C-alpha atoms as a PDB file:
ATOM      1  CA  MET A   1     -16.740   5.631   0.974  1.00  0.00           C
ATOM      2  CA  GLN A   2     -17.701   7.559  -2.102  1.00  0.00           C
ATOM      3  CA  VAL A   3     -15.676   9.267  -4.819  1.00  0.00           C
ATOM      4  CA  SER A   4     -16.717  11.125  -7.941  1.00  0.00           C
ATOM      5  CA  LEU A   5     -15.148  12.303 -11.190  1.00  0.00           C
ATOM      6  CA  LYS A   6     -16.240  15.196 -13.354  1.00  0.00           C
ATOM      7  CA  GLN A   7     -14.785  15.700 -16.821  1.00  0.00           C
ATOM      8  CA  ILE A   8     -13.310  19.191 -17.131  1.00  0.00           C
ATOM      9  CA  GLY A   9     -11.298  18.730 -20.324  1.00  0.00           C
ATOM     10  CA  ASP A  10     -10.461  16.201 -23.028  1.00  0.00           C
ATOM     11  CA  LEU A  11      -8.765  13.678 -20.731  1.00  0.00           C
ATOM     12  CA  ARG A  12      -8.816  15.832 -17.611  1.00  0.00           C
ATOM     13  CA  PHE A  13     -11.054  15.082 -14.669  1.00  0.00           C
ATOM     14  CA  GLU A  14     -11.679  16.611 -11.279  1.00  0.00           C
ATOM     15  CA  ALA A  15     -11.906  13.954  -8.576  1.00  0.00           C
ATOM     16  CA  THR A  16     -13.690  14.571  -5.292  1.00  0.00           C
ATOM     17  CA  THR A  17     -13.215  12.300  -2.293  1.00  0.00           C
ATOM     18  CA  SER A  18     -15.776  11.507   0.386  1.00  0.00           C
ATOM     19  CA  LYS A  19     -13.905  14.063   2.547  1.00  0.00           C
ATOM     20  CA  GLY A  20     -14.527  16.768  -0.063  1.00  0.00           C
ATOM     21  CA  ILE A  21     -10.891  16.894  -1.199  1.00  0.00           C
ATOM     22  CA  LYS A  22     -10.534  17.710  -4.894  1.00  0.00           C
ATOM     23  CA  PHE A  23      -7.645  16.834  -7.212  1.00  0.00           C
ATOM     24  CA  ASP A  24      -6.940  16.521 -10.918  1.00  0.00           C
ATOM     25  CA  VAL A  25      -6.684  13.283 -12.849  1.00  0.00           C
ATOM     26  CA  ASN A  26      -4.873  14.172 -16.057  1.00  0.00           C
ATOM     27  CA  PRO A  27      -2.901  11.319 -17.645  1.00  0.00           C
ATOM     28  CA  LYS A  28      -1.609  13.401 -20.568  1.00  0.00           C
ATOM     29  CA  GLU A  29      -0.033  16.200 -18.532  1.00  0.00           C
ATOM     30  CA  HIS A  30       0.116  15.157 -14.892  1.00  0.00           C
ATOM     31  CA  ILE A  31      -0.952  12.216 -12.773  1.00  0.00           C
ATOM     32  CA  GLY A  32      -3.035   9.450 -14.331  1.00  0.00           C
ATOM     33  CA  PRO A  33      -5.223   6.750 -12.812  1.00  0.00           C
ATOM     34  CA  LEU A  34      -2.481   4.111 -12.603  1.00  0.00           C
ATOM     35  CA  ASP A  35      -0.152   6.559 -10.885  1.00  0.00           C
ATOM     36  CA  TYR A  36      -2.807   7.237  -8.260  1.00  0.00           C
ATOM     37  CA  PHE A  37      -3.613   3.539  -7.877  1.00  0.00           C
ATOM     38  CA  THR A  38      -0.018   2.374  -7.464  1.00  0.00           C
ATOM     39  CA  THR A  39       0.855   5.262  -5.150  1.00  0.00           C
ATOM     40  CA  ALA A  40      -2.232   4.624  -3.011  1.00  0.00           C
ATOM     41  CA  THR A  41      -1.315   0.950  -2.796  1.00  0.00           C
ATOM     42  CA  ILE A  42       2.004   1.626  -1.089  1.00  0.00           C
ATOM     43  CA  ALA A  43       0.839   4.774   0.739  1.00  0.00           C
ATOM     44  CA  CYS A  44      -1.728   2.736   2.642  1.00  0.00           C
ATOM     45  CA  SER A  45       0.988   0.391   3.864  1.00  0.00           C
ATOM     46  CA  ALA A  46       3.341   3.295   4.647  1.00  0.00           C
ATOM     47  CA  VAL A  47       0.699   4.792   6.937  1.00  0.00           C
ATOM     48  CA  ASP A  48       0.475   1.432   8.706  1.00  0.00           C
ATOM     49  CA  ILE A  49       4.267   1.287   9.180  1.00  0.00           C
ATOM     50  CA  ALA A  50       4.240   4.801  10.609  1.00  0.00           C
ATOM     51  CA  THR A  51       1.406   4.028  13.071  1.00  0.00           C
ATOM     52  CA  LEU A  52       1.840   0.375  14.125  1.00  0.00           C
ATOM     53  CA  PRO A  53       5.052   1.027  16.108  1.00  0.00           C
ATOM     54  CA  GLN A  54       3.287   3.826  18.025  1.00  0.00           C
ATOM     55  CA  LYS A  55       0.787   1.286  19.348  1.00  0.00           C
ATOM     56  CA  GLN A  56       3.755  -0.455  21.017  1.00  0.00           C
ATOM     57  CA  GLY A  57       5.358   2.735  22.332  1.00  0.00           C
ATOM     58  CA  LYS A  58       7.959   2.689  19.540  1.00  0.00           C
ATOM     59  CA  THR A  59       8.763   5.102  16.716  1.00  0.00           C
ATOM     60  CA  ALA A  60       9.489   4.529  13.022  1.00  0.00           C
ATOM     61  CA  ARG A  61      11.624   7.216  11.367  1.00  0.00           C
ATOM     62  CA  ASN A  62      13.052   7.978   7.931  1.00  0.00           C
ATOM     63  CA  LEU A  63      10.462   5.748   6.268  1.00  0.00           C
ATOM     64  CA  SER A  64      10.590   5.277   2.529  1.00  0.00           C
ATOM     65  CA  VAL A  65       8.560   2.790   0.539  1.00  0.00           C
ATOM     66  CA  ASN A  66       9.222   1.920  -3.096  1.00  0.00           C
ATOM     67  CA  ALA A  67       7.477  -0.610  -5.302  1.00  0.00           C
ATOM     68  CA  GLU A  68       7.817  -2.266  -8.646  1.00  0.00           C
ATOM     69  CA  PHE A  69       4.585  -3.383 -10.270  1.00  0.00           C
ATOM     70  CA  ASP A  70       4.693  -6.025 -13.024  1.00  0.00           C
ATOM     71  CA  ARG A  71       1.755  -6.289 -15.397  1.00  0.00           C
ATOM     72  CA  SER A  72       0.531  -8.845 -17.888  1.00  0.00           C
ATOM     73  CA  GLU A  73       1.466  -8.241 -21.508  1.00  0.00           C
ATOM     74  CA  SER A  74      -2.077  -8.270 -22.879  1.00  0.00           C
ATOM     75  CA  PRO A  75      -5.260  -6.369 -22.012  1.00  0.00           C
ATOM     76  CA  PRO A  76      -6.457  -5.696 -19.417  1.00  0.00           C
ATOM     77  CA  TYR A  77      -2.784  -5.504 -18.309  1.00  0.00           C
ATOM     78  CA  ARG A  78      -3.480  -6.759 -14.800  1.00  0.00           C
ATOM     79  CA  PHE A  79      -0.869  -6.585 -12.098  1.00  0.00           C
ATOM     80  CA  THR A  80       0.885  -9.948 -11.820  1.00  0.00           C
ATOM     81  CA  SER A  81       3.377  -9.144  -9.075  1.00  0.00           C
ATOM     82  CA  ILE A  82       4.301  -6.322  -6.750  1.00  0.00           C
ATOM     83  CA  HIS A  83       7.645  -6.007  -4.965  1.00  0.00           C
ATOM     84  CA  ILE A  84       7.483  -3.494  -2.112  1.00  0.00           C
ATOM     85  CA  VAL A  85      10.708  -2.292  -0.501  1.00  0.00           C
ATOM     86  CA  TYR A  86      10.472  -0.754   2.976  1.00  0.00           C
ATOM     87  CA  SER A  87      13.371   1.188   4.445  1.00  0.00           C
ATOM     88  CA  PHE A  88      13.138   2.739   7.892  1.00  0.00           C
ATOM     89  CA  ASP A  89      14.826   3.219  11.228  1.00  0.00           C
ATOM     90  CA  SER A  90      13.165   2.507  14.553  1.00  0.00           C
ATOM     91  CA  ASP A  91      13.799   1.910  18.207  1.00  0.00           C
ATOM     92  CA  GLY A  92      12.292  -1.568  17.819  1.00  0.00           C
ATOM     93  CA  ALA A  93      14.095  -4.828  17.153  1.00  0.00           C
ATOM     94  CA  ASP A  94      14.401  -6.302  13.658  1.00  0.00           C
ATOM     95  CA  LEU A  95      11.670  -8.799  14.545  1.00  0.00           C
ATOM     96  CA  ASP A  96       9.361  -5.890  15.460  1.00  0.00           C
ATOM     97  CA  ALA A  97      10.072  -4.240  12.101  1.00  0.00           C
ATOM     98  CA  LYS A  98       9.247  -7.441  10.242  1.00  0.00           C
ATOM     99  CA  ARG A  99       6.034  -7.889  12.235  1.00  0.00           C
ATOM    100  CA  TRP A 100       4.921  -4.330  11.445  1.00  0.00           C
ATOM    101  CA  VAL A 101       5.466  -4.871   7.726  1.00  0.00           C
ATOM    102  CA  LEU A 102       3.742  -8.257   7.711  1.00  0.00           C
ATOM    103  CA  SER A 103       0.839  -6.909   9.772  1.00  0.00           C
ATOM    104  CA  SER A 104       0.330  -4.242   7.136  1.00  0.00           C
ATOM    105  CA  LEU A 105       0.681  -6.628   4.204  1.00  0.00           C
ATOM    106  CA  GLU A 106      -1.375  -9.492   5.615  1.00  0.00           C
ATOM    107  CA  SER A 107      -4.008  -7.755   7.727  1.00  0.00           C
ATOM    108  CA  TYR A 108      -4.297  -3.986   7.722  1.00  0.00           C
ATOM    109  CA  SER A 109      -3.580  -2.554   4.268  1.00  0.00           C
ATOM    110  CA  THR A 110      -6.898  -2.352   2.463  1.00  0.00           C
ATOM    111  CA  THR A 111      -5.267  -1.521  -0.869  1.00  0.00           C
ATOM    112  CA  ILE A 112      -2.717  -4.339  -0.809  1.00  0.00           C
ATOM    113  CA  ASN A 113      -5.296  -6.876   0.326  1.00  0.00           C
ATOM    114  CA  THR A 114      -7.545  -5.765  -2.530  1.00  0.00           C
ATOM    115  CA  VAL A 115      -4.968  -6.842  -5.141  1.00  0.00           C
ATOM    116  CA  ARG A 116      -3.527  -9.715  -3.125  1.00  0.00           C
ATOM    117  CA  GLY A 117      -5.704 -12.391  -4.709  1.00  0.00           C
ATOM    118  CA  ALA A 118      -4.696 -11.260  -8.213  1.00  0.00           C
ATOM    119  CA  ALA A 119      -0.985 -10.449  -7.862  1.00  0.00           C
ATOM    120  CA  LYS A 120       1.917 -12.089  -6.076  1.00  0.00           C
ATOM    121  CA  ILE A 121       3.199  -9.803  -3.308  1.00  0.00           C
ATOM    122  CA  TYR A 122       6.914  -9.688  -2.470  1.00  0.00           C
ATOM    123  CA  TYR A 123       8.582  -7.488   0.129  1.00  0.00           C
ATOM    124  CA  SER A 124      12.030  -6.438   1.269  1.00  0.00           C
ATOM    125  CA  ILE A 125      12.886  -4.637   4.494  1.00  0.00           C
ATOM    126  CA  ALA A 126      15.896  -2.497   5.346  1.00  0.00           C
ATOM    127  CA  HIS A 127      15.752  -1.714   9.065  1.00  0.00           C
ATOM    128  CA  ASN A 128      18.238   0.579  10.786  1.00  0.00           C
ATOM    129  CA  GLY A 129      20.457   0.416   7.714  1.00  0.00           C
ATOM    130  CA  GLU A 130      20.544  -3.399   7.481  1.00  0.00           C
ATOM    131  CA  LEU A 131      18.675  -5.558   4.959  1.00  0.00           C
ATOM    132  CA  ILE A 132      16.673  -7.951   7.145  1.00  0.00           C
ATOM    133  CA  VAL A 133      14.368  -9.423   4.469  1.00  0.00           C
ATOM    134  CA  ASP A 134      15.235  -9.708   0.786  1.00  0.00           C
ATOM    135  CA  ARG A 135      12.273 -10.455  -1.465  1.00  0.00           C
ATOM    136  CA  GLY A 136      10.123 -12.360   0.980  1.00  0.00           C
ATOM    137  CA  ALA A 137       6.702 -13.449  -0.231  1.00  0.00           C
ATOM    138  CA  ILE A 138       3.314 -13.411   1.409  1.00  0.00           C
ATOM    139  CA  ALA A 139       0.589 -15.906   0.642  1.00  0.00           C
ATOM    140  CA  SER A 140      -1.816 -14.793  -2.028  1.00  0.00           C
ATOM    141  CA  GLY A 141      -5.482 -15.282  -1.500  1.00  0.00           C
ATOM    142  CA  GLU A 142      -8.782 -13.761  -0.643  1.00  0.00           C
ATOM    143  CA  SER A 143      -9.516 -12.035   2.650  1.00  0.00           C
ATOM    144  CA  GLU A 144     -10.866 -15.199   4.322  1.00  0.00           C
ATOM    145  CA  ALA A 145      -7.451 -16.822   3.913  1.00  0.00           C
ATOM    146  CA  THR A 146      -5.499 -13.743   4.967  1.00  0.00           C
ATOM    147  CA  GLY A 147      -7.154 -13.010   8.283  1.00  0.00           C
ATOM    148  CA  LEU A 148      -8.468  -9.668   6.971  1.00  0.00           C
ATOM    149  CA  THR A 149     -11.562  -8.959   9.023  1.00  0.00           C
ATOM    150  CA  ALA A 150     -13.939  -6.060   9.414  1.00  0.00           C
ATOM    151  CA  GLU A 151     -12.249  -5.346  12.764  1.00  0.00           C
ATOM    152  CA  ASN A 152      -8.779  -5.230  11.155  1.00  0.00           C
ATOM    153  CA  MET A 153     -10.067  -2.930   8.441  1.00  0.00           C
ATOM    154  CA  GLU A 154     -11.633  -0.637  11.055  1.00  0.00           C
ATOM    155  CA  ASN A 155      -8.307  -0.508  12.911  1.00  0.00           C
ATOM    156  CA  SER A 156      -6.419   0.469   9.765  1.00  0.00           C
ATOM    157  CA  VAL A 157      -5.713   4.175   9.511  1.00  0.00           C
ATOM    158  CA  CYS A 158      -5.639   3.784   5.737  1.00  0.00           C
ATOM    159  CA  SER A 159      -9.219   2.516   5.501  1.00  0.00           C
ATOM    160  CA  ALA A 160     -10.612   5.705   7.034  1.00  0.00           C
END
């Protein structure tokens, strides 16, 4: 994977992805680096939640993912905790919904597993209109402790 940035203004940059997609990074007027980073963190997991049910012949619908990122109070202002709230409907059982979320958080999401050793990860799940998990926590740690393997990363749609 390769990305590049080219300065095209004072604090304006043109980013180019390995797929050749270009977009602006402009923290003064539009989207800044932290906005992209935090959005990508939950977008990766959202893609997992949309695709994991399909592998079981199920469907997730009306998916929304929100997150609150807490940061340290002094430079470099690292993320200290992330609370991700998943809300979706599906034709799977509540246990299926929880397994899909945990599979994303603990195995498949490249972005979440990148920050997992540095920040505490909490999650809540509303499935078919009912809150089934309220601020659960996953174990923090490096990929060896999480079960994140090269095979899992290859199977993640987000890592492509």
